[in-house]
Protein backbone atom coordinates (compact mmCIF):
# COMPACT_ATOMS: atom_id res chain seq x y z
CA UNK A 1 -95.82 -16.57 9.90
CA UNK A 2 -97.96 -13.82 7.76
CA UNK A 3 -98.76 -10.45 8.13
CA UNK A 4 -102.55 -9.78 8.26
CA UNK A 5 -103.79 -5.96 7.19
CA UNK A 6 -107.23 -4.44 8.54
CA UNK A 7 -108.62 -0.90 7.46
CA UNK A 8 -111.51 0.32 9.13
CA UNK A 9 -113.22 3.68 10.06
CA UNK A 10 -111.12 6.09 12.42
CA UNK A 11 -114.23 6.19 14.22
CA UNK A 12 -114.15 3.08 15.44
CA UNK A 13 -110.81 2.54 16.44
CA UNK A 14 -110.57 2.49 20.66
CA UNK A 15 -108.44 4.00 23.30
CA UNK A 16 -106.84 0.89 23.84
CA UNK A 17 -106.01 0.66 20.40
CA UNK A 18 -104.91 3.96 19.66
CA UNK A 19 -102.30 3.04 22.93
CA UNK A 20 -101.23 0.14 21.04
CA UNK A 21 -100.50 1.85 18.14
CA UNK A 22 -99.05 4.97 19.97
CA UNK A 23 -96.90 2.20 21.62
CA UNK A 24 -94.81 1.79 18.49
CA UNK A 25 -92.55 4.71 19.32
CA UNK A 26 -93.35 5.30 22.27
CA UNK A 27 -89.44 5.74 22.43
CA UNK A 28 -87.84 7.25 20.24
CA UNK A 29 -89.20 9.88 17.47
CA UNK A 30 -91.66 10.92 16.14
CA UNK A 31 -92.64 10.05 19.64
CA UNK A 32 -96.82 9.89 17.91
CA UNK A 33 -98.20 9.79 21.71
CA UNK A 34 -102.20 8.71 22.35
CA UNK A 35 -102.81 12.59 22.86
CA UNK A 36 -101.56 13.39 19.25
CA UNK A 37 -103.44 10.11 17.72
CA UNK A 38 -106.54 10.62 19.08
CA UNK A 39 -106.98 13.88 17.18
CA UNK A 40 -105.72 12.10 13.86
CA UNK A 41 -109.48 9.89 14.73
CA UNK A 42 -110.71 13.17 14.39
CA UNK A 43 -108.94 14.35 11.46
CA UNK A 44 -108.63 11.49 8.80
CA UNK A 45 -111.36 8.83 7.40
CA UNK A 46 -109.44 5.33 7.09
CA UNK A 47 -107.00 3.66 10.00
CA UNK A 48 -104.93 0.46 8.36
CA UNK A 49 -103.33 -1.41 10.94
CA UNK A 50 -100.89 -4.47 10.07
CA UNK A 51 -100.49 -7.96 12.55
CA UNK A 52 -98.03 -10.39 13.06
CA UNK A 53 -100.37 -12.72 14.98
CA UNK A 54 -101.55 -11.01 18.02
CA UNK A 55 -98.52 -7.98 17.81
CA UNK A 56 -99.05 -4.57 16.10
CA UNK A 57 -96.12 -3.63 13.41
CA UNK A 58 -97.74 -0.82 11.86
CA UNK A 59 -100.43 1.32 11.25
CA UNK A 60 -101.60 4.63 8.65
CA UNK A 61 -103.83 7.40 9.07
CA UNK A 62 -105.13 7.78 4.88
CA UNK A 63 -107.71 9.47 3.23
CA UNK A 64 -109.35 9.04 -0.51
CA UNK A 65 -110.85 12.37 -1.61
CA UNK A 66 -110.55 14.76 -4.92
CA UNK A 67 -108.46 17.32 -4.63
CA UNK A 68 -109.51 19.77 -7.47
CA UNK A 69 -111.08 16.93 -8.87
CA UNK A 70 -107.98 14.95 -9.07
CA UNK A 71 -108.45 11.18 -7.44
CA UNK A 72 -106.48 11.12 -4.55
CA UNK A 73 -104.97 8.94 -1.87
CA UNK A 74 -103.62 10.87 1.08
CA UNK A 75 -101.31 9.14 3.60
CA UNK A 76 -101.56 11.73 6.57
CA UNK A 77 -99.80 10.14 10.28
CA UNK A 78 -98.28 6.33 10.14
CA UNK A 79 -95.83 4.29 11.42
CA UNK A 80 -94.05 1.16 10.39
CA UNK A 81 -92.34 -0.69 13.45
CA UNK A 82 -88.87 -1.25 13.11
CA UNK A 83 -88.13 -4.92 12.79
CA UNK A 84 -86.65 -7.49 10.07
CA UNK A 85 -90.15 -7.30 8.61
CA UNK A 86 -90.63 -3.80 8.02
CA UNK A 87 -90.68 -4.02 4.55
CA UNK A 88 -93.10 -6.65 4.16
CA UNK A 89 -95.55 -4.59 6.44
CA UNK A 90 -95.10 -2.04 4.33
CA UNK A 91 -96.24 -3.21 1.17
CA UNK A 92 -98.91 -4.83 2.86
CA UNK A 93 -100.04 -2.03 4.16
CA UNK A 94 -99.82 -0.31 0.26
CA UNK A 95 -101.38 -2.65 -1.45
CA UNK A 96 -104.58 -2.63 1.24
CA UNK A 97 -104.49 1.24 0.46
CA UNK A 98 -104.46 0.36 -3.35
CA UNK A 99 -106.95 -1.65 -3.30
CA UNK A 100 -109.23 0.77 -1.97
CA UNK A 101 -107.77 3.30 -4.57
CA UNK A 102 -108.70 1.30 -7.17
CA UNK A 103 -113.05 0.40 -5.89
CA UNK A 104 -112.52 4.16 -5.04
CA UNK A 105 -111.53 5.73 -8.31
CA UNK A 106 -111.90 2.60 -10.98
CA UNK A 107 -109.81 3.56 -14.68
CA UNK A 108 -108.40 6.60 -13.13
CA UNK A 109 -104.75 7.75 -11.91
CA UNK A 110 -104.31 8.20 -8.15
CA UNK A 111 -102.41 10.55 -6.62
CA UNK A 112 -100.53 9.30 -3.81
CA UNK A 113 -98.77 11.74 -0.96
CA UNK A 114 -97.93 12.39 2.25
CA UNK A 115 -95.28 13.77 4.69
CA UNK A 116 -91.96 12.03 4.97
CA UNK A 117 -89.96 12.06 8.31
CA UNK A 118 -85.95 10.60 6.54
CA UNK A 119 -84.92 8.73 3.36
CA UNK A 120 -85.78 5.51 4.44
CA UNK A 121 -89.51 6.99 3.47
CA UNK A 122 -89.23 6.93 -0.38
CA UNK A 123 -90.00 3.12 -0.06
CA UNK A 124 -93.51 3.94 0.49
CA UNK A 125 -93.49 4.94 -3.57
CA UNK A 126 -92.37 2.31 -5.02
CA UNK A 127 -93.54 1.60 -8.36
CA UNK A 128 -95.21 4.95 -8.38
CA UNK A 129 -95.00 7.28 -11.73
CA UNK A 130 -93.13 10.32 -11.74
CA UNK A 131 -92.11 10.91 -7.67
CA UNK A 132 -91.91 14.28 -6.93
CA UNK A 133 -89.58 15.62 -5.36
CA UNK A 134 -87.06 13.05 -7.38
CA UNK A 135 -83.32 12.98 -8.05
CA UNK A 136 -81.93 15.09 -10.56
CA UNK A 137 -85.89 16.15 -11.10
CA UNK A 138 -86.65 20.39 -11.53
CA UNK A 139 -90.01 20.17 -10.65
CA UNK A 140 -92.42 21.87 -12.88
CA UNK A 141 -94.75 24.86 -12.01
CA UNK A 142 -97.71 22.56 -11.33
CA UNK A 143 -95.78 19.48 -9.35
CA UNK A 144 -94.76 22.75 -7.01
CA UNK A 145 -98.70 23.54 -6.99
CA UNK A 146 -98.92 20.01 -5.65
CA UNK A 147 -96.34 20.47 -3.16
CA UNK A 148 -98.83 23.98 -2.05
CA UNK A 149 -102.16 21.48 -2.13
CA UNK A 150 -100.98 19.05 -0.14
CA UNK A 151 -99.33 21.14 1.92
CA UNK A 152 -102.45 22.89 2.40
CA UNK A 153 -104.14 19.56 3.58
CA UNK A 154 -102.01 18.95 6.39
CA UNK A 155 -102.40 22.26 7.59
CA UNK A 156 -99.15 23.66 6.68
CA UNK A 157 -99.53 25.96 3.87
CA UNK A 158 -97.79 28.68 5.15
CA UNK A 159 -94.63 26.74 5.75
CA UNK A 160 -93.82 24.97 2.76
CA UNK A 161 -91.03 25.79 0.42
CA UNK A 162 -92.58 25.11 -2.89
CA UNK A 163 -88.61 24.42 -4.54
CA UNK A 164 -87.68 21.99 -2.35
CA UNK A 165 -90.86 20.62 -0.75
CA UNK A 166 -89.68 20.69 2.82
CA UNK A 167 -92.22 21.98 5.14
CA UNK A 168 -90.42 23.37 8.62
CA UNK A 169 -91.36 22.72 11.40
CA UNK A 170 -93.26 25.14 14.00
CA UNK A 171 -92.76 23.86 17.05
CA UNK A 172 -95.73 21.44 17.51
CA UNK A 173 -96.13 18.07 17.27
CA UNK A 174 -96.65 17.13 13.50
CA UNK A 175 -97.55 14.36 11.60
CA UNK A 176 -95.86 12.22 8.86
CA UNK A 177 -95.09 8.75 7.54
CA UNK A 178 -93.14 7.00 10.48
CA UNK A 179 -91.15 3.95 8.25
CA UNK A 180 -88.04 3.00 9.95
CA UNK A 181 -85.43 0.03 9.37
CA UNK A 182 -84.93 -1.58 5.96
CA UNK A 183 -82.52 -4.32 4.55
CA UNK A 184 -82.40 -2.48 1.53
CA UNK A 185 -79.95 0.33 1.70
CA UNK A 186 -81.21 3.87 1.32
CA UNK A 187 -79.99 5.32 -2.13
CA UNK A 188 -77.94 8.31 -1.98
CA UNK A 189 -79.35 10.96 -4.30
CA UNK A 190 -83.12 11.05 -1.88
CA UNK A 191 -80.85 11.75 0.99
CA UNK A 192 -80.12 15.14 0.25
CA UNK A 193 -83.96 15.89 0.50
CA UNK A 194 -83.22 15.64 3.76
CA UNK A 195 -80.24 17.57 4.17
CA UNK A 196 -81.14 20.83 5.72
CA UNK A 197 -84.50 18.91 8.22
CA UNK A 198 -84.68 17.95 11.13
CA UNK A 199 -87.14 15.90 12.07
CA UNK A 200 -86.79 16.29 15.35
CA UNK A 201 -88.13 19.83 14.82
CA UNK A 202 -91.52 18.69 12.93
CA UNK A 203 -89.95 19.70 9.44
CA UNK A 204 -91.52 17.15 7.02
CA UNK A 205 -90.94 16.52 3.51
CA UNK A 206 -94.04 16.23 1.21
CA UNK A 207 -93.70 13.74 -1.35
CA UNK A 208 -95.76 12.15 -4.17
CA UNK A 209 -96.40 10.18 -6.83
CA UNK A 210 -99.44 8.47 -9.79
CA UNK A 211 -100.82 5.55 -9.04
CA UNK A 212 -101.52 4.49 -12.55
CA UNK A 213 -104.76 3.15 -13.53
CA UNK A 214 -103.28 0.25 -15.58
CA UNK A 215 -100.94 -0.97 -12.63
CA UNK A 216 -103.66 -0.34 -10.51
CA UNK A 217 -105.85 -3.13 -12.03
CA UNK A 218 -103.08 -5.18 -12.58
CA UNK A 219 -102.20 -5.23 -8.82
CA UNK A 220 -98.82 -4.59 -9.87
CA UNK A 221 -98.72 -1.87 -6.37
CA UNK A 222 -97.77 -2.96 -3.33
CA UNK A 223 -98.29 -6.21 -1.53
CA UNK A 224 -100.54 -7.51 -4.97
C-alpha cells in the first residue's frame, strides 16, 4: 500500500488528530504526549502527516522561514513509526517538505535544520550538502554560529555546546525528530556524536545541511 502524505496548517489540527499522533510513541521514548504536541501546534506553522491506508505512520511539525535572510526549513518535532517501511515514510515526508521549500524559495539554497535524538536521524539528511556535524569535519566559525542560531530558534540557546552541537537537556520535555528503526545500518562514524548524550534526559544534537537550489529544482531530494 502506498504512503500518502498531507501537509496543512497546524491550527487546523484537531485534538483527535493530536491523540493519534501521540500514540506513535506512547509506549517508548521520547513519549511525545498529547499535551506536549498541543503546544507544538501553537509554536509551529505546518504539520506533515504520512498515512498507510488508515494507519498514521509519521508526522512532523515544521516551518519555512528566513533566519537572518537565509531561507530555512526547520523541523521542530516529529516521529516516524518504527515499522519496516520507516525509510519509505521518511523519504515521502521529506520529499513533500522539499517541494514546499522550492515553492517558497525558488532558485535559492535552503538550510535544513532540526534536533536529532539518535544516529538514525541522519537519514533525514540524505542528499543534502555540507551536513553538520559530520565525520572528520571540524566545524568552521560560521557553522558553529549556525548551531547557536538554530539552538536559539529551538529555545535552547544557553544550553548548546557549539563545538559538539549537543544541546543539554534541562529536565523538561524536549522536541526533536524521532527517527527510529531502519533496514539500513547506521554508519559508525555518526554514532560518536551521541556518545555523551542521553535522549531520555532531553539531550539533542542540532544538525543541519543545505538543500541546493539545483537539487530542489530537479526533484533529486526526498521522495521525488
